[in-house]
């Protein structure tokens, strides 16, 4: 594949894109803008990962609590 074919593929993918309007929380938009000047790319990648089931959420509701082991009797640090 030469450079011209690569450019054509990229142009074709760009032509397949659809513009939509999305309402997002303003704080979320600010966080995205710290990552990139092209928020649509971040949103597109996130949606692709979500659809493939690649996202592992990391918040209070999805974490497995870590149990702190209790020392055996007689080893308490009183």
PDB file of N, CA and C in Angstrom:
ATOM      1  N   UNK A   1       0.855  -1.185   0.000  1.00  0.00           N
ATOM      2  CA  UNK A   1       0.000   0.000   0.000  1.00  0.00           C
ATOM      3  C   UNK A   1       0.894   1.239   0.000  1.00  0.00           C
ATOM      4  N   UNK A   2       0.664   2.156  -0.899  1.00  0.00           N
ATOM      5  CA  UNK A   2       1.488   3.359  -0.946  1.00  0.00           C
ATOM      6  C   UNK A   2       0.806   4.507  -0.209  1.00  0.00           C
ATOM      7  N   UNK A   3       1.492   5.640  -0.163  1.00  0.00           N
ATOM      8  CA  UNK A   3       0.988   6.799   0.596  1.00  0.00           C
ATOM      9  C   UNK A   3      -0.341   7.309   0.039  1.00  0.00           C
ATOM     10  N   UNK A   4      -0.510   7.260  -1.288  1.00  0.00           N
ATOM     11  CA  UNK A   4      -1.749   7.747  -1.883  1.00  0.00           C
ATOM     12  C   UNK A   4      -2.931   6.891  -1.435  1.00  0.00           C
ATOM     13  N   UNK A   5      -2.743   5.563  -1.388  1.00  0.00           N
ATOM     14  CA  UNK A   5      -3.811   4.678  -0.941  1.00  0.00           C
ATOM     15  C   UNK A   5      -4.153   4.935   0.520  1.00  0.00           C
ATOM     16  N   UNK A   6      -3.136   5.180   1.342  1.00  0.00           N
ATOM     17  CA  UNK A   6      -3.384   5.475   2.760  1.00  0.00           C
ATOM     18  C   UNK A   6      -4.190   6.757   2.904  1.00  0.00           C
ATOM     19  N   UNK A   7      -3.845   7.771   2.153  1.00  0.00           N
ATOM     20  CA  UNK A   7      -4.571   9.037   2.211  1.00  0.00           C
ATOM     21  C   UNK A   7      -6.013   8.846   1.764  1.00  0.00           C
ATOM     22  N   UNK A   8      -6.223   8.050   0.732  1.00  0.00           N
ATOM     23  CA  UNK A   8      -7.568   7.789   0.238  1.00  0.00           C
ATOM     24  C   UNK A   8      -8.401   7.074   1.300  1.00  0.00           C
ATOM     25  N   UNK A   9      -7.819   6.097   1.987  1.00  0.00           N
ATOM     26  CA  UNK A   9      -8.530   5.390   3.058  1.00  0.00           C
ATOM     27  C   UNK A   9      -8.934   6.352   4.163  1.00  0.00           C
ATOM     28  N   UNK A  10      -8.017   7.241   4.546  1.00  0.00           N
ATOM     29  CA  UNK A  10      -8.313   8.209   5.603  1.00  0.00           C
ATOM     30  C   UNK A  10      -9.417   9.160   5.164  1.00  0.00           C
ATOM     31  N   UNK A  11      -9.356   9.599   3.924  1.00  0.00           N
ATOM     32  CA  UNK A  11     -10.389  10.498   3.411  1.00  0.00           C
ATOM     33  C   UNK A  11     -11.748   9.802   3.388  1.00  0.00           C
ATOM     34  N   UNK A  12     -11.742   8.524   3.018  1.00  0.00           N
ATOM     35  CA  UNK A  12     -12.998   7.782   2.955  1.00  0.00           C
ATOM     36  C   UNK A  12     -13.603   7.636   4.354  1.00  0.00           C
ATOM     37  N   UNK A  13     -12.758   7.334   5.356  1.00  0.00           N
ATOM     38  CA  UNK A  13     -13.261   7.211   6.725  1.00  0.00           C
ATOM     39  C   UNK A  13     -13.812   8.545   7.206  1.00  0.00           C
ATOM     40  N   UNK A  14     -13.128   9.638   6.870  1.00  0.00           N
ATOM     41  CA  UNK A  14     -13.589  10.963   7.267  1.00  0.00           C
ATOM     42  C   UNK A  14     -14.939  11.269   6.618  1.00  0.00           C
ATOM     43  N   UNK A  15     -15.120  10.858   5.366  1.00  0.00           N
ATOM     44  CA  UNK A  15     -16.366  11.114   4.651  1.00  0.00           C
ATOM     45  C   UNK A  15     -17.527  10.328   5.266  1.00  0.00           C
ATOM     46  N   UNK A  16     -17.234   9.202   5.911  1.00  0.00           N
ATOM     47  CA  UNK A  16     -18.269   8.373   6.511  1.00  0.00           C
ATOM     48  C   UNK A  16     -18.760   8.908   7.851  1.00  0.00           C
ATOM     49  N   UNK A  17     -18.114   9.903   8.399  1.00  0.00           N
ATOM     50  CA  UNK A  17     -18.486  10.443   9.703  1.00  0.00           C
ATOM     51  C   UNK A  17     -19.793  11.227   9.607  1.00  0.00           C
ATOM     52  N   UNK A  18     -20.561  11.177  10.685  1.00  0.00           N
ATOM     53  CA  UNK A  18     -21.834  11.876  10.766  1.00  0.00           C
ATOM     54  C   UNK A  18     -21.753  12.853  11.929  1.00  0.00           C
ATOM     55  N   UNK A  19     -22.187  14.059  11.710  1.00  0.00           N
ATOM     56  CA  UNK A  19     -22.165  15.062  12.772  1.00  0.00           C
ATOM     57  C   UNK A  19     -23.482  15.014  13.538  1.00  0.00           C
ATOM     58  N   UNK A  20     -23.374  14.959  14.867  1.00  0.00           N
ATOM     59  CA  UNK A  20     -24.562  14.977  15.723  1.00  0.00           C
ATOM     60  C   UNK A  20     -24.366  16.001  16.836  1.00  0.00           C
ATOM     61  N   UNK A  21     -25.459  16.414  17.427  1.00  0.00           N
ATOM     62  CA  UNK A  21     -25.392  17.327  18.563  1.00  0.00           C
ATOM     63  C   UNK A  21     -25.594  16.513  19.833  1.00  0.00           C
ATOM     64  N   UNK A  22     -24.738  16.756  20.820  1.00  0.00           N
ATOM     65  CA  UNK A  22     -24.796  16.020  22.079  1.00  0.00           C
ATOM     66  C   UNK A  22     -24.745  17.025  23.221  1.00  0.00           C
ATOM     67  N   UNK A  23     -25.590  16.822  24.215  1.00  0.00           N
ATOM     68  CA  UNK A  23     -25.572  17.691  25.386  1.00  0.00           C
ATOM     69  C   UNK A  23     -24.738  17.012  26.461  1.00  0.00           C
ATOM     70  N   UNK A  24     -23.693  17.702  26.931  1.00  0.00           N
ATOM     71  CA  UNK A  24     -22.807  17.164  27.955  1.00  0.00           C
ATOM     72  C   UNK A  24     -22.698  18.134  29.116  1.00  0.00           C
ATOM     73  N   UNK A  25     -22.405  17.603  30.275  1.00  0.00           N
ATOM     74  CA  UNK A  25     -22.166  18.408  31.459  1.00  0.00           C
ATOM     75  C   UNK A  25     -20.967  19.323  31.199  1.00  0.00           C
ATOM     76  N   UNK A  26     -21.064  20.589  31.571  1.00  0.00           N
ATOM     77  CA  UNK A  26     -19.995  21.547  31.278  1.00  0.00           C
ATOM     78  C   UNK A  26     -18.679  21.167  31.956  1.00  0.00           C
ATOM     79  N   UNK A  27     -18.748  20.569  33.146  1.00  0.00           N
ATOM     80  CA  UNK A  27     -17.517  20.137  33.827  1.00  0.00           C
ATOM     81  C   UNK A  27     -16.846  19.007  33.049  1.00  0.00           C
ATOM     82  N   UNK A  28     -17.653  18.117  32.480  1.00  0.00           N
ATOM     83  CA  UNK A  28     -17.121  17.026  31.673  1.00  0.00           C
ATOM     84  C   UNK A  28     -16.429  17.569  30.421  1.00  0.00           C
ATOM     85  N   UNK A  29     -17.034  18.560  29.795  1.00  0.00           N
ATOM     86  CA  UNK A  29     -16.441  19.170  28.604  1.00  0.00           C
ATOM     87  C   UNK A  29     -15.104  19.816  28.955  1.00  0.00           C
ATOM     88  N   UNK A  30     -15.035  20.481  30.099  1.00  0.00           N
ATOM     89  CA  UNK A  30     -13.771  21.095  30.528  1.00  0.00           C
ATOM     90  C   UNK A  30     -12.684  20.035  30.701  1.00  0.00           C
ATOM     91  N   UNK A  31     -13.040  18.902  31.301  1.00  0.00           N
ATOM     92  CA  UNK A  31     -12.062  17.831  31.496  1.00  0.00           C
ATOM     93  C   UNK A  31     -11.587  17.278  30.161  1.00  0.00           C
ATOM     94  N   UNK A  32     -12.499  17.114  29.217  1.00  0.00           N
ATOM     95  CA  UNK A  32     -12.128  16.605  27.897  1.00  0.00           C
ATOM     96  C   UNK A  32     -11.207  17.600  27.188  1.00  0.00           C
ATOM     97  N   UNK A  33     -11.491  18.889  27.317  1.00  0.00           N
ATOM     98  CA  UNK A  33     -10.684  19.901  26.636  1.00  0.00           C
ATOM     99  C   UNK A  33      -9.268  19.953  27.182  1.00  0.00           C
ATOM    100  N   UNK A  34      -9.060  19.472  28.411  1.00  0.00           N
ATOM    101  CA  UNK A  34      -7.700  19.385  28.942  1.00  0.00           C
ATOM    102  C   UNK A  34      -6.923  18.266  28.257  1.00  0.00           C
ATOM    103  N   UNK A  35      -7.639  17.297  27.697  1.00  0.00           N
ATOM    104  CA  UNK A  35      -6.994  16.162  27.026  1.00  0.00           C
ATOM    105  C   UNK A  35      -6.683  16.448  25.566  1.00  0.00           C
ATOM    106  N   UNK A  36      -7.571  17.171  24.889  1.00  0.00           N
ATOM    107  CA  UNK A  36      -7.425  17.343  23.439  1.00  0.00           C
ATOM    108  C   UNK A  36      -8.184  18.569  22.958  1.00  0.00           C
ATOM    109  N   UNK A  37      -7.800  19.041  21.789  1.00  0.00           N
ATOM    110  CA  UNK A  37      -8.541  20.122  21.137  1.00  0.00           C
ATOM    111  C   UNK A  37      -9.663  19.570  20.272  1.00  0.00           C
ATOM    112  N   UNK A  38      -9.748  18.228  20.170  1.00  0.00           N
ATOM    113  CA  UNK A  38     -10.774  17.572  19.354  1.00  0.00           C
ATOM    114  C   UNK A  38     -11.612  16.654  20.241  1.00  0.00           C
ATOM    115  N   UNK A  39     -12.562  17.210  21.012  1.00  0.00           N
ATOM    116  CA  UNK A  39     -13.372  16.386  21.918  1.00  0.00           C
ATOM    117  C   UNK A  39     -14.125  15.279  21.208  1.00  0.00           C
ATOM    118  N   UNK A  40     -14.476  15.462  19.935  1.00  0.00           N
ATOM    119  CA  UNK A  40     -15.222  14.424  19.233  1.00  0.00           C
ATOM    120  C   UNK A  40     -14.402  13.138  19.133  1.00  0.00           C
ATOM    121  N   UNK A  41     -13.087  13.255  19.024  1.00  0.00           N
ATOM    122  CA  UNK A  41     -12.228  12.070  18.946  1.00  0.00           C
ATOM    123  C   UNK A  41     -12.267  11.307  20.270  1.00  0.00           C
ATOM    124  N   UNK A  42     -12.211  12.017  21.389  1.00  0.00           N
ATOM    125  CA  UNK A  42     -12.262  11.378  22.710  1.00  0.00           C
ATOM    126  C   UNK A  42     -13.596  10.667  22.885  1.00  0.00           C
ATOM    127  N   UNK A  43     -14.670  11.325  22.506  1.00  0.00           N
ATOM    128  CA  UNK A  43     -16.002  10.742  22.645  1.00  0.00           C
ATOM    129  C   UNK A  43     -16.145   9.523  21.747  1.00  0.00           C
ATOM    130  N   UNK A  44     -15.636   9.616  20.513  1.00  0.00           N
ATOM    131  CA  UNK A  44     -15.719   8.492  19.581  1.00  0.00           C
ATOM    132  C   UNK A  44     -14.958   7.278  20.111  1.00  0.00           C
ATOM    133  N   UNK A  45     -13.751   7.492  20.620  1.00  0.00           N
ATOM    134  CA  UNK A  45     -12.955   6.383  21.166  1.00  0.00           C
ATOM    135  C   UNK A  45     -13.655   5.770  22.378  1.00  0.00           C
ATOM    136  N   UNK A  46     -14.211   6.611  23.238  1.00  0.00           N
ATOM    137  CA  UNK A  46     -14.911   6.111  24.428  1.00  0.00           C
ATOM    138  C   UNK A  46     -16.125   5.265  24.038  1.00  0.00           C
ATOM    139  N   UNK A  47     -16.861   5.699  23.051  1.00  0.00           N
ATOM    140  CA  UNK A  47     -18.035   4.937  22.604  1.00  0.00           C
ATOM    141  C   UNK A  47     -17.611   3.603  21.999  1.00  0.00           C
ATOM    142  N   UNK A  48     -16.538   3.614  21.187  1.00  0.00           N
ATOM    143  CA  UNK A  48     -16.042   2.354  20.610  1.00  0.00           C
ATOM    144  C   UNK A  48     -15.634   1.371  21.707  1.00  0.00           C
ATOM    145  N   UNK A  49     -14.919   1.867  22.726  1.00  0.00           N
ATOM    146  CA  UNK A  49     -14.499   1.001  23.831  1.00  0.00           C
ATOM    147  C   UNK A  49     -15.716   0.473  24.579  1.00  0.00           C
ATOM    148  N   UNK A  50     -16.692   1.322  24.799  1.00  0.00           N
ATOM    149  CA  UNK A  50     -17.894   0.922  25.522  1.00  0.00           C
ATOM    150  C   UNK A  50     -18.650  -0.165  24.759  1.00  0.00           C
ATOM    151  N   UNK A  51     -18.776   0.020  23.435  1.00  0.00           N
ATOM    152  CA  UNK A  51     -19.484  -0.963  22.625  1.00  0.00           C
ATOM    153  C   UNK A  51     -18.766  -2.311  22.585  1.00  0.00           C
ATOM    154  N   UNK A  52     -17.435  -2.282  22.663  1.00  0.00           N
ATOM    155  CA  UNK A  52     -16.665  -3.532  22.676  1.00  0.00           C
ATOM    156  C   UNK A  52     -16.573  -4.126  24.069  1.00  0.00           C
ATOM    157  N   UNK A  53     -17.083  -3.400  25.070  1.00  0.00           N
ATOM    158  CA  UNK A  53     -17.035  -3.884  26.444  1.00  0.00           C
ATOM    159  C   UNK A  53     -15.652  -3.781  27.055  1.00  0.00           C
ATOM    160  N   UNK A  54     -14.822  -2.860  26.545  1.00  0.00           N
ATOM    161  CA  UNK A  54     -13.449  -2.743  27.017  1.00  0.00           C
ATOM    162  C   UNK A  54     -13.305  -1.852  28.239  1.00  0.00           C
ATOM    163  N   UNK A  55     -14.330  -1.123  28.562  1.00  0.00           N
ATOM    164  CA  UNK A  55     -14.195  -0.176  29.667  1.00  0.00           C
ATOM    165  C   UNK A  55     -14.459  -0.882  30.979  1.00  0.00           C
ATOM    166  N   UNK A  56     -13.509  -0.774  31.871  1.00  0.00           N
ATOM    167  CA  UNK A  56     -13.739  -1.281  33.217  1.00  0.00           C
ATOM    168  C   UNK A  56     -13.917  -0.059  34.114  1.00  0.00           C
ATOM    169  N   UNK A  57     -15.120   0.105  34.604  1.00  0.00           N
ATOM    170  CA  UNK A  57     -15.408   1.276  35.424  1.00  0.00           C
ATOM    171  C   UNK A  57     -14.635   1.209  36.725  1.00  0.00           C
ATOM    172  N   UNK A  58     -14.222   2.358  37.192  1.00  0.00           N
ATOM    173  CA  UNK A  58     -13.475   2.439  38.439  1.00  0.00           C
ATOM    174  C   UNK A  58     -14.096   3.531  39.298  1.00  0.00           C
ATOM    175  N   UNK A  59     -15.210   3.186  39.902  1.00  0.00           N
ATOM    176  CA  UNK A  59     -15.814   4.118  40.845  1.00  0.00           C
ATOM    177  C   UNK A  59     -16.290   3.325  42.056  1.00  0.00           C
ATOM    178  N   UNK A  60     -16.848   4.002  43.023  1.00  0.00           N
ATOM    179  CA  UNK A  60     -17.211   3.349  44.284  1.00  0.00           C
ATOM    180  C   UNK A  60     -18.154   2.164  44.102  1.00  0.00           C
ATOM    181  N   UNK A  61     -19.029   2.232  43.114  1.00  0.00           N
ATOM    182  CA  UNK A  61     -20.025   1.184  42.944  1.00  0.00           C
ATOM    183  C   UNK A  61     -19.492  -0.053  42.228  1.00  0.00           C
ATOM    184  N   UNK A  62     -18.312   0.050  41.602  1.00  0.00           N
ATOM    185  CA  UNK A  62     -17.794  -1.087  40.857  1.00  0.00           C
ATOM    186  C   UNK A  62     -16.557  -1.709  41.494  1.00  0.00           C
ATOM    187  N   UNK A  63     -16.023  -1.086  42.520  1.00  0.00           N
ATOM    188  CA  UNK A  63     -14.826  -1.635  43.168  1.00  0.00           C
ATOM    189  C   UNK A  63     -15.189  -2.751  44.122  1.00  0.00           C
ATOM    190  N   UNK A  64     -14.338  -3.759  44.163  1.00  0.00           N
ATOM    191  CA  UNK A  64     -14.497  -4.824  45.141  1.00  0.00           C
ATOM    192  C   UNK A  64     -13.762  -4.386  46.397  1.00  0.00           C
ATOM    193  N   UNK A  65     -14.447  -4.379  47.535  1.00  0.00           N
ATOM    194  CA  UNK A  65     -13.768  -3.926  48.747  1.00  0.00           C
ATOM    195  C   UNK A  65     -12.594  -4.850  49.100  1.00  0.00           C
ATOM    196  N   UNK A  66     -11.510  -4.240  49.524  1.00  0.00           N
ATOM    197  CA  UNK A  66     -10.334  -4.994  49.920  1.00  0.00           C
ATOM    198  C   UNK A  66     -10.412  -5.209  51.421  1.00  0.00           C
ATOM    199  N   UNK A  67     -10.355  -6.463  51.831  1.00  0.00           N
ATOM    200  CA  UNK A  67     -10.443  -6.772  53.246  1.00  0.00           C
ATOM    201  C   UNK A  67      -9.067  -6.641  53.879  1.00  0.00           C
ATOM    202  N   UNK A  68      -9.030  -5.959  55.003  1.00  0.00           N
ATOM    203  CA  UNK A  68      -7.794  -5.844  55.756  1.00  0.00           C
ATOM    204  C   UNK A  68      -7.732  -7.036  56.698  1.00  0.00           C
ATOM    205  N   UNK A  69      -6.687  -7.844  56.590  1.00  0.00           N
ATOM    206  CA  UNK A  69      -6.629  -9.027  57.447  1.00  0.00           C
ATOM    207  C   UNK A  69      -6.464  -8.644  58.920  1.00  0.00           C
ATOM    208  N   UNK A  70      -7.130  -9.401  59.768  1.00  0.00           N
ATOM    209  CA  UNK A  70      -7.029  -9.182  61.210  1.00  0.00           C
ATOM    210  C   UNK A  70      -5.877 -10.048  61.718  1.00  0.00           C
ATOM    211  N   UNK A  71      -4.959  -9.470  62.494  1.00  0.00           N
ATOM    212  CA  UNK A  71      -3.838 -10.274  62.990  1.00  0.00           C
ATOM    213  C   UNK A  71      -4.327 -11.365  63.940  1.00  0.00           C
ATOM    214  N   UNK A  72      -3.590 -12.475  64.013  1.00  0.00           N
ATOM    215  CA  UNK A  72      -3.985 -13.558  64.921  1.00  0.00           C
ATOM    216  C   UNK A  72      -4.032 -13.077  66.378  1.00  0.00           C
ATOM    217  N   UNK A  73      -4.775 -13.795  67.187  1.00  0.00           N
ATOM    218  CA  UNK A  73      -4.903 -13.451  68.601  1.00  0.00           C
ATOM    219  C   UNK A  73      -3.514 -13.367  69.251  1.00  0.00           C
ATOM    220  N   UNK A  74      -3.320 -12.364  70.041  1.00  0.00           N
ATOM    221  CA  UNK A  74      -2.060 -12.198  70.747  1.00  0.00           C
ATOM    222  C   UNK A  74      -1.096 -11.299  70.010  1.00  0.00           C
ATOM    223  N   UNK A  75      -1.423 -10.910  68.761  1.00  0.00           N
ATOM    224  CA  UNK A  75      -0.513 -10.049  68.012  1.00  0.00           C
ATOM    225  C   UNK A  75      -1.101  -8.654  67.804  1.00  0.00           C
ATOM    226  N   UNK A  76      -2.073  -8.305  68.638  1.00  0.00           N
ATOM    227  CA  UNK A  76      -2.669  -6.966  68.546  1.00  0.00           C
ATOM    228  C   UNK A  76      -1.647  -5.943  68.996  1.00  0.00           C
ATOM    229  N   UNK A  77      -1.673  -4.822  68.385  1.00  0.00           N
ATOM    230  CA  UNK A  77      -0.737  -3.751  68.709  1.00  0.00           C
ATOM    231  C   UNK A  77      -1.440  -2.738  69.604  1.00  0.00           C
ATOM    232  N   UNK A  78      -1.675  -3.114  70.859  1.00  0.00           N
ATOM    233  CA  UNK A  78      -2.427  -2.239  71.787  1.00  0.00           C
ATOM    234  C   UNK A  78      -1.587  -1.115  72.300  1.00  0.00           C
TER     235      UNK A  78
END
